[in-house]
C-alpha atoms as a PDB file:
ATOM      1  CA  MET A   1      -0.070   0.252   0.136  1.00  0.00           C
ATOM      2  CA  THR A   2       1.595   3.701  -0.751  1.00  0.00           C
ATOM      3  CA  ASP A   3       0.766   6.950   0.883  1.00  0.00           C
ATOM      4  CA  THR A   4       0.968   8.458  -2.519  1.00  0.00           C
ATOM      5  CA  PRO A   5      -2.470  10.542  -2.609  1.00  0.00           C
ATOM      6  CA  PRO A   6      -3.776   9.766  -6.104  1.00  0.00           C
ATOM      7  CA  ALA A   7      -3.081  12.869  -8.671  1.00  0.00           C
ATOM      8  CA  ILE A   8      -6.224  15.678  -8.717  1.00  0.00           C
ATOM      9  CA  GLU A   9      -5.851  16.420 -12.742  1.00  0.00           C
ATOM     10  CA  PRO A  10      -7.007  12.610 -13.860  1.00  0.00           C
ATOM     11  CA  LEU A  11      -9.924  13.504 -10.990  1.00  0.00           C
ATOM     12  CA  LEU A  12     -11.049  16.854 -12.194  1.00  0.00           C
ATOM     13  CA  ALA A  13     -10.806  15.883 -15.837  1.00  0.00           C
ATOM     14  CA  ARG A  14     -13.247  13.217 -15.248  1.00  0.00           C
ATOM     15  CA  LEU A  15     -15.744  15.864 -13.231  1.00  0.00           C
ATOM     16  CA  CYS A  16     -15.532  18.347 -15.901  1.00  0.00           C
ATOM     17  CA  GLY A  17     -14.748  16.195 -18.965  1.00  0.00           C
ATOM     18  CA  GLY A  18     -11.922  18.626 -20.107  1.00  0.00           C
ATOM     19  CA  GLU A  19      -8.514  17.125 -21.100  1.00  0.00           C
ATOM     20  CA  ILE A  20      -6.295  17.976 -17.719  1.00  0.00           C
ATOM     21  CA  THR A  21      -2.856  16.736 -17.190  1.00  0.00           C
ATOM     22  CA  GLY A  22       0.547  17.067 -14.641  1.00  0.00           C
ATOM     23  CA  LYS A  23       1.347  20.164 -16.657  1.00  0.00           C
ATOM     24  CA  ASP A  24      -1.569  22.430 -15.951  1.00  0.00           C
ATOM     25  CA  TYR A  25      -2.073  24.609 -13.081  1.00  0.00           C
ATOM     26  CA  VAL A  26      -5.449  23.325 -12.017  1.00  0.00           C
ATOM     27  CA  GLY A  27      -8.022  25.029  -9.275  1.00  0.00           C
ATOM     28  CA  TYR A  28     -11.206  23.366  -7.845  1.00  0.00           C
ATOM     29  CA  PHE A  29     -13.993  25.627  -6.261  1.00  0.00           C
ATOM     30  CA  MET A  30     -17.771  24.348  -5.215  1.00  0.00           C
ATOM     31  CA  ASN A  31     -20.053  27.588  -4.640  1.00  0.00           C
ATOM     32  CA  GLU A  32     -22.667  28.237  -1.756  1.00  0.00           C
ATOM     33  CA  TYR A  33     -25.188  26.232  -4.365  1.00  0.00           C
ATOM     34  CA  GLY A  34     -22.818  22.913  -4.532  1.00  0.00           C
ATOM     35  CA  GLU A  35     -22.069  23.958  -8.088  1.00  0.00           C
ATOM     36  CA  GLU A  36     -18.668  23.043  -9.468  1.00  0.00           C
ATOM     37  CA  LEU A  37     -16.217  24.909 -11.053  1.00  0.00           C
ATOM     38  CA  VAL A  38     -12.455  23.617 -12.555  1.00  0.00           C
ATOM     39  CA  PHE A  39      -9.721  25.687 -14.014  1.00  0.00           C
ATOM     40  CA  ALA A  40      -6.811  24.500 -15.764  1.00  0.00           C
ATOM     41  CA  GLN A  41      -4.018  26.543 -17.419  1.00  0.00           C
ATOM     42  CA  ARG A  42      -1.467  24.491 -19.370  1.00  0.00           C
ATOM     43  CA  ARG A  43       2.280  26.276 -19.445  1.00  0.00           C
ATOM     44  CA  GLY A  44       2.937  28.523 -21.808  1.00  0.00           C
ATOM     45  CA  GLY A  45      -0.818  28.651 -23.191  1.00  0.00           C
ATOM     46  CA  LYS A  46      -2.027  32.053 -24.324  1.00  0.00           C
ATOM     47  CA  SER A  47      -5.780  31.612 -22.109  1.00  0.00           C
ATOM     48  CA  ALA A  48      -6.900  29.256 -19.176  1.00  0.00           C
ATOM     49  CA  ARG A  49      -9.792  26.677 -19.816  1.00  0.00           C
ATOM     50  CA  LEU A  50     -12.738  27.037 -16.988  1.00  0.00           C
ATOM     51  CA  TRP A  51     -15.652  25.077 -16.793  1.00  0.00           C
ATOM     52  CA  HIS A  52     -18.913  25.349 -14.600  1.00  0.00           C
ATOM     53  CA  SER A  53     -21.312  22.572 -13.448  1.00  0.00           C
ATOM     54  CA  ASP A  54     -24.095  24.539 -14.018  1.00  0.00           C
ATOM     55  CA  ALA A  55     -23.229  25.527 -17.445  1.00  0.00           C
ATOM     56  CA  ASP A  56     -23.689  21.683 -18.223  1.00  0.00           C
ATOM     57  CA  TRP A  57     -19.531  21.731 -17.725  1.00  0.00           C
ATOM     58  CA  LYS A  58     -19.084  23.835 -21.197  1.00  0.00           C
ATOM     59  CA  MET A  59     -15.730  25.005 -21.384  1.00  0.00           C
ATOM     60  CA  PHE A  60     -14.680  28.500 -21.319  1.00  0.00           C
ATOM     61  CA  LEU A  61     -11.516  30.065 -22.068  1.00  0.00           C
ATOM     62  CA  VAL A  62     -10.708  32.911 -19.838  1.00  0.00           C
ATOM     63  CA  GLY A  63      -7.456  35.498 -19.463  1.00  0.00           C
ATOM     64  CA  ASP A  64      -6.543  38.135 -17.488  1.00  0.00           C
ATOM     65  CA  HIS A  65      -9.357  40.434 -18.624  1.00  0.00           C
ATOM     66  CA  SER A  66     -12.123  37.971 -18.995  1.00  0.00           C
ATOM     67  CA  ILE A  67     -13.648  39.072 -15.348  1.00  0.00           C
ATOM     68  CA  ARG A  68     -16.360  41.949 -16.570  1.00  0.00           C
ATOM     69  CA  LEU A  69     -18.159  43.902 -14.613  1.00  0.00           C
ATOM     70  CA  ASP A  70     -20.864  45.198 -17.534  1.00  0.00           C
ATOM     71  CA  GLY A  71     -23.340  42.719 -17.579  1.00  0.00           C
ATOM     72  CA  PRO A  72     -26.870  43.950 -18.780  1.00  0.00           C
ATOM     73  CA  ILE A  73     -27.719  44.359 -15.011  1.00  0.00           C
ATOM     74  CA  ASP A  74     -26.055  46.485 -12.907  1.00  0.00           C
ATOM     75  CA  GLY A  75     -23.580  44.479 -10.614  1.00  0.00           C
ATOM     76  CA  MET A  76     -23.538  41.568 -12.949  1.00  0.00           C
ATOM     77  CA  ILE A  77     -20.238  39.560 -13.063  1.00  0.00           C
ATOM     78  CA  THR A  78     -19.247  38.015 -16.434  1.00  0.00           C
ATOM     79  CA  VAL A  79     -16.932  35.930 -18.085  1.00  0.00           C
ATOM     80  CA  ALA A  80     -17.000  34.916 -21.394  1.00  0.00           C
ATOM     81  CA  ASP A  81     -20.249  34.190 -21.442  1.00  0.00           C
ATOM     82  CA  LEU A  82     -20.786  32.844 -18.030  1.00  0.00           C
ATOM     83  CA  ILE A  83     -22.259  34.829 -15.279  1.00  0.00           C
ATOM     84  CA  ILE A  84     -20.776  34.314 -11.909  1.00  0.00           C
ATOM     85  CA  ASN A  85     -20.690  35.652  -8.694  1.00  0.00           C
ATOM     86  CA  ARG A  86     -18.624  37.600  -6.640  1.00  0.00           C
ATOM     87  CA  GLU A  87     -17.225  34.576  -4.894  1.00  0.00           C
ATOM     88  CA  GLU A  88     -16.734  32.419  -8.093  1.00  0.00           C
ATOM     89  CA  ALA A  89     -14.754  35.925  -9.728  1.00  0.00           C
ATOM     90  CA  THR A  90     -12.496  36.286  -6.488  1.00  0.00           C
ATOM     91  CA  TRP A  91     -11.703  32.688  -6.887  1.00  0.00           C
ATOM     92  CA  LEU A  92     -11.042  32.584 -10.748  1.00  0.00           C
ATOM     93  CA  SER A  93      -8.830  35.899 -10.380  1.00  0.00           C
ATOM     94  CA  SER A  94      -6.692  34.126  -7.887  1.00  0.00           C
ATOM     95  CA  CYS A  95      -6.450  31.227 -10.483  1.00  0.00           C
ATOM     96  CA  LEU A  96      -5.415  33.317 -13.302  1.00  0.00           C
ATOM     97  CA  ALA A  97      -2.783  35.359 -11.148  1.00  0.00           C
ATOM     98  CA  ALA A  98      -1.441  31.850  -9.475  1.00  0.00           C
ATOM     99  CA  SER A  99      -1.437  30.614 -12.976  1.00  0.00           C
ATOM    100  CA  ARG A 100       0.234  33.509 -14.503  1.00  0.00           C
ATOM    101  CA  HIS A 101       3.570  32.257 -14.700  1.00  0.00           C
ATOM    102  CA  LEU A 102       3.037  29.602 -16.879  1.00  0.00           C
ATOM    103  CA  ARG A 103       1.101  31.314 -19.419  1.00  0.00           C
ATOM    104  CA  GLN A 104       4.362  33.671 -19.397  1.00  0.00           C
ATOM    105  CA  GLY A 105       6.567  30.599 -19.773  1.00  0.00           C
ATOM    106  CA  ARG A 106       8.394  30.401 -16.582  1.00  0.00           C
ATOM    107  CA  THR A 107       8.623  27.927 -14.083  1.00  0.00           C
END
């Protein structure tokens, strides 16, 4: 028996149906409604990938300027074509900041 925990990447890939490997920076978030979000940023990639369970795990390409506060309703936060709440936006912003070195090709 080994004490090594399973890699998180294959588990998240199965959850969202996306391609996620050990070469990705990954993040996972569950909101107050039990909806799940998965973030993956590939080394050298120009954009990251975001999946949201409430959007049927559709993949959205996101980057540093993707989070918007200019939705059709005052205070609405969007990323790509997805409406997200403040907590999700904060988590996504943190994932984008943490993975920035991968987009810039630094290790």
